[in-house]
Amino acid sequence: PLVKRYAAKDSIAIFYGSGHMVDLEKRLATELSYQPKGDVWVTAFSVNPRASGLSEAEVGMVNSLIHWQMKLMK
């Protein structure tokens, strides 16, 4: 399975799309005593330009948007 099953007594936190919360990991550790045990990365989206019928210009626009978003997160 993609996600390990935990017993009812265990506590886990799952965050999706929280890249804009730069202090989240530190606060979970200091305020709630959470300790990281591992990461599972799942593809949020992908595009096959040929199968989707995107033009070269549209692919360029998507690439530019993704690069811009990634730069903002630094």
N, C-alpha and C. Protein backbone atom coordinates (compact mmCIF):
# COMPACT_ATOMS: atom_id res chain seq x y z
N PRO A 1 0.83 -1.20 0.00
CA PRO A 1 0.00 0.00 0.00
C PRO A 1 0.86 1.26 0.00
N LEU A 2 0.31 2.32 -0.54
CA LEU A 2 1.03 3.59 -0.63
C LEU A 2 1.28 4.18 0.75
N VAL A 3 0.31 4.09 1.63
CA VAL A 3 0.42 4.65 2.97
C VAL A 3 0.37 3.53 3.99
N LYS A 4 1.34 3.52 4.90
CA LYS A 4 1.38 2.50 5.94
C LYS A 4 0.20 2.67 6.90
N ARG A 5 -0.38 1.57 7.33
CA ARG A 5 -1.48 1.60 8.30
C ARG A 5 -0.90 1.68 9.71
N TYR A 6 -1.50 2.48 10.56
CA TYR A 6 -1.04 2.67 11.92
C TYR A 6 -2.10 2.19 12.89
N ALA A 7 -1.66 1.75 14.07
CA ALA A 7 -2.59 1.35 15.12
C ALA A 7 -3.33 2.59 15.61
N ALA A 8 -4.49 2.39 16.21
CA ALA A 8 -5.32 3.51 16.68
C ALA A 8 -4.58 4.40 17.67
N LYS A 9 -3.65 3.85 18.44
CA LYS A 9 -2.94 4.64 19.44
C LYS A 9 -1.90 5.58 18.83
N ASP A 10 -1.51 5.34 17.60
CA ASP A 10 -0.51 6.18 16.95
C ASP A 10 -1.14 7.46 16.40
N SER A 11 -0.34 8.49 16.31
CA SER A 11 -0.81 9.77 15.79
C SER A 11 0.02 10.12 14.57
N ILE A 12 -0.65 10.48 13.50
CA ILE A 12 0.08 10.87 12.29
C ILE A 12 -0.50 12.17 11.76
N ALA A 13 0.29 12.85 10.98
CA ALA A 13 -0.17 14.07 10.31
C ALA A 13 0.21 13.97 8.84
N ILE A 14 -0.71 14.33 7.98
CA ILE A 14 -0.46 14.31 6.54
C ILE A 14 -0.76 15.70 6.00
N PHE A 15 0.20 16.26 5.30
CA PHE A 15 0.03 17.59 4.74
C PHE A 15 0.22 17.53 3.24
N TYR A 16 -0.68 18.15 2.54
CA TYR A 16 -0.63 18.19 1.09
C TYR A 16 -0.72 19.66 0.66
N GLY A 17 0.27 20.10 -0.10
CA GLY A 17 0.23 21.48 -0.57
C GLY A 17 0.54 22.50 0.50
N SER A 18 1.39 22.15 1.46
CA SER A 18 1.68 23.08 2.57
C SER A 18 3.02 23.78 2.40
N GLY A 19 3.54 23.83 1.18
CA GLY A 19 4.83 24.46 0.92
C GLY A 19 4.88 25.93 1.30
N HIS A 20 3.73 26.57 1.38
CA HIS A 20 3.70 27.99 1.74
C HIS A 20 3.76 28.21 3.25
N MET A 21 3.76 27.15 4.04
CA MET A 21 3.82 27.25 5.50
C MET A 21 5.25 26.92 5.95
N VAL A 22 6.14 27.90 5.84
CA VAL A 22 7.56 27.64 6.05
C VAL A 22 7.91 27.19 7.47
N ASP A 23 7.11 27.54 8.45
CA ASP A 23 7.44 27.18 9.83
C ASP A 23 6.65 25.96 10.34
N LEU A 24 5.91 25.31 9.47
CA LEU A 24 5.03 24.23 9.90
C LEU A 24 5.77 23.08 10.58
N GLU A 25 6.84 22.60 9.96
CA GLU A 25 7.58 21.48 10.55
C GLU A 25 8.14 21.85 11.92
N LYS A 26 8.71 23.04 12.05
CA LYS A 26 9.27 23.47 13.33
C LYS A 26 8.18 23.56 14.41
N ARG A 27 7.04 24.10 14.06
CA ARG A 27 5.94 24.24 15.04
C ARG A 27 5.38 22.89 15.45
N LEU A 28 5.26 21.96 14.50
CA LEU A 28 4.77 20.63 14.86
C LEU A 28 5.72 19.95 15.86
N ALA A 29 7.01 20.14 15.65
CA ALA A 29 7.99 19.54 16.55
C ALA A 29 8.01 20.22 17.91
N THR A 30 7.99 21.55 17.94
CA THR A 30 8.12 22.26 19.21
C THR A 30 6.82 22.34 20.00
N GLU A 31 5.70 22.56 19.31
CA GLU A 31 4.43 22.75 20.01
C GLU A 31 3.66 21.46 20.26
N LEU A 32 3.83 20.47 19.37
CA LEU A 32 3.06 19.24 19.51
C LEU A 32 3.93 18.00 19.73
N SER A 33 5.24 18.20 19.78
CA SER A 33 6.21 17.11 19.98
C SER A 33 6.14 16.04 18.91
N TYR A 34 5.75 16.41 17.69
CA TYR A 34 5.77 15.47 16.57
C TYR A 34 7.21 15.28 16.12
N GLN A 35 7.52 14.09 15.69
CA GLN A 35 8.83 13.79 15.15
C GLN A 35 8.65 13.18 13.76
N PRO A 36 9.39 13.66 12.77
CA PRO A 36 9.25 13.09 11.43
C PRO A 36 9.74 11.64 11.40
N LYS A 37 8.97 10.80 10.75
CA LYS A 37 9.33 9.38 10.62
C LYS A 37 9.54 8.99 9.17
N GLY A 38 9.12 9.84 8.23
CA GLY A 38 9.33 9.52 6.82
C GLY A 38 8.50 10.42 5.93
N ASP A 39 8.80 10.36 4.68
CA ASP A 39 8.08 11.15 3.68
C ASP A 39 7.57 10.23 2.59
N VAL A 40 6.40 10.54 2.08
CA VAL A 40 5.86 9.89 0.90
C VAL A 40 5.47 11.00 -0.06
N TRP A 41 6.10 11.02 -1.21
CA TRP A 41 5.79 12.04 -2.21
C TRP A 41 4.92 11.41 -3.28
N VAL A 42 3.82 12.06 -3.58
CA VAL A 42 2.88 11.59 -4.59
C VAL A 42 2.76 12.68 -5.66
N THR A 43 2.79 12.29 -6.91
CA THR A 43 2.67 13.25 -8.00
C THR A 43 1.31 13.93 -7.94
N ALA A 44 1.31 15.24 -7.89
CA ALA A 44 0.06 15.99 -7.83
C ALA A 44 -0.62 16.02 -9.19
N PHE A 45 0.16 16.21 -10.23
CA PHE A 45 -0.39 16.16 -11.58
C PHE A 45 0.73 15.93 -12.56
N SER A 46 0.40 15.42 -13.70
CA SER A 46 1.36 15.28 -14.79
C SER A 46 0.59 15.45 -16.10
N VAL A 47 1.33 15.79 -17.13
CA VAL A 47 0.69 16.05 -18.42
C VAL A 47 1.49 15.34 -19.52
N ASN A 48 0.80 14.63 -20.35
CA ASN A 48 1.39 14.08 -21.56
C ASN A 48 0.91 14.99 -22.69
N PRO A 49 1.78 15.89 -23.18
CA PRO A 49 1.34 16.88 -24.17
C PRO A 49 0.73 16.26 -25.43
N ARG A 50 1.28 15.16 -25.90
CA ARG A 50 0.74 14.54 -27.11
C ARG A 50 -0.66 13.99 -26.87
N ALA A 51 -0.82 13.27 -25.76
CA ALA A 51 -2.12 12.65 -25.46
C ALA A 51 -3.18 13.70 -25.16
N SER A 52 -2.77 14.84 -24.59
CA SER A 52 -3.74 15.86 -24.22
C SER A 52 -4.01 16.86 -25.34
N GLY A 53 -3.19 16.81 -26.38
CA GLY A 53 -3.40 17.72 -27.50
C GLY A 53 -2.88 19.13 -27.27
N LEU A 54 -1.97 19.31 -26.31
CA LEU A 54 -1.42 20.64 -26.05
C LEU A 54 -0.46 21.05 -27.15
N SER A 55 -0.51 22.31 -27.50
CA SER A 55 0.43 22.84 -28.48
C SER A 55 1.77 23.11 -27.80
N GLU A 56 2.79 23.37 -28.62
CA GLU A 56 4.11 23.70 -28.07
C GLU A 56 4.04 24.98 -27.22
N ALA A 57 3.25 25.94 -27.66
CA ALA A 57 3.09 27.19 -26.91
C ALA A 57 2.41 26.94 -25.56
N GLU A 58 1.41 26.06 -25.53
CA GLU A 58 0.72 25.76 -24.28
C GLU A 58 1.64 25.02 -23.31
N VAL A 59 2.46 24.11 -23.82
CA VAL A 59 3.43 23.41 -22.97
C VAL A 59 4.41 24.43 -22.39
N GLY A 60 4.86 25.37 -23.20
CA GLY A 60 5.76 26.42 -22.72
C GLY A 60 5.12 27.26 -21.62
N MET A 61 3.84 27.56 -21.79
CA MET A 61 3.13 28.36 -20.79
C MET A 61 3.03 27.59 -19.46
N VAL A 62 2.72 26.30 -19.52
CA VAL A 62 2.64 25.49 -18.30
C VAL A 62 4.01 25.42 -17.63
N ASN A 63 5.05 25.20 -18.42
CA ASN A 63 6.41 25.16 -17.85
C ASN A 63 6.76 26.47 -17.17
N SER A 64 6.46 27.58 -17.80
CA SER A 64 6.74 28.89 -17.21
C SER A 64 5.99 29.09 -15.90
N LEU A 65 4.73 28.69 -15.87
CA LEU A 65 3.93 28.82 -14.66
C LEU A 65 4.52 27.99 -13.52
N ILE A 66 4.91 26.76 -13.80
CA ILE A 66 5.48 25.89 -12.77
C ILE A 66 6.80 26.47 -12.25
N HIS A 67 7.66 26.90 -13.16
CA HIS A 67 8.94 27.49 -12.74
C HIS A 67 8.72 28.74 -11.90
N TRP A 68 7.76 29.57 -12.27
CA TRP A 68 7.45 30.78 -11.51
C TRP A 68 6.98 30.41 -10.10
N GLN A 69 6.09 29.43 -9.99
CA GLN A 69 5.59 29.00 -8.68
C GLN A 69 6.72 28.45 -7.81
N MET A 70 7.60 27.66 -8.40
CA MET A 70 8.72 27.10 -7.64
C MET A 70 9.66 28.19 -7.14
N LYS A 71 9.89 29.20 -7.97
CA LYS A 71 10.77 30.31 -7.57
C LYS A 71 10.17 31.08 -6.39
N LEU A 72 8.83 31.22 -6.37
CA LEU A 72 8.17 31.92 -5.27
C LEU A 72 8.33 31.20 -3.94
N MET A 73 8.51 29.90 -3.97
CA MET A 73 8.60 29.11 -2.74
C MET A 73 9.98 29.19 -2.10
N LYS A 74 10.97 29.72 -2.79
CA LYS A 74 12.32 29.79 -2.23
C LYS A 74 12.44 30.86 -1.19
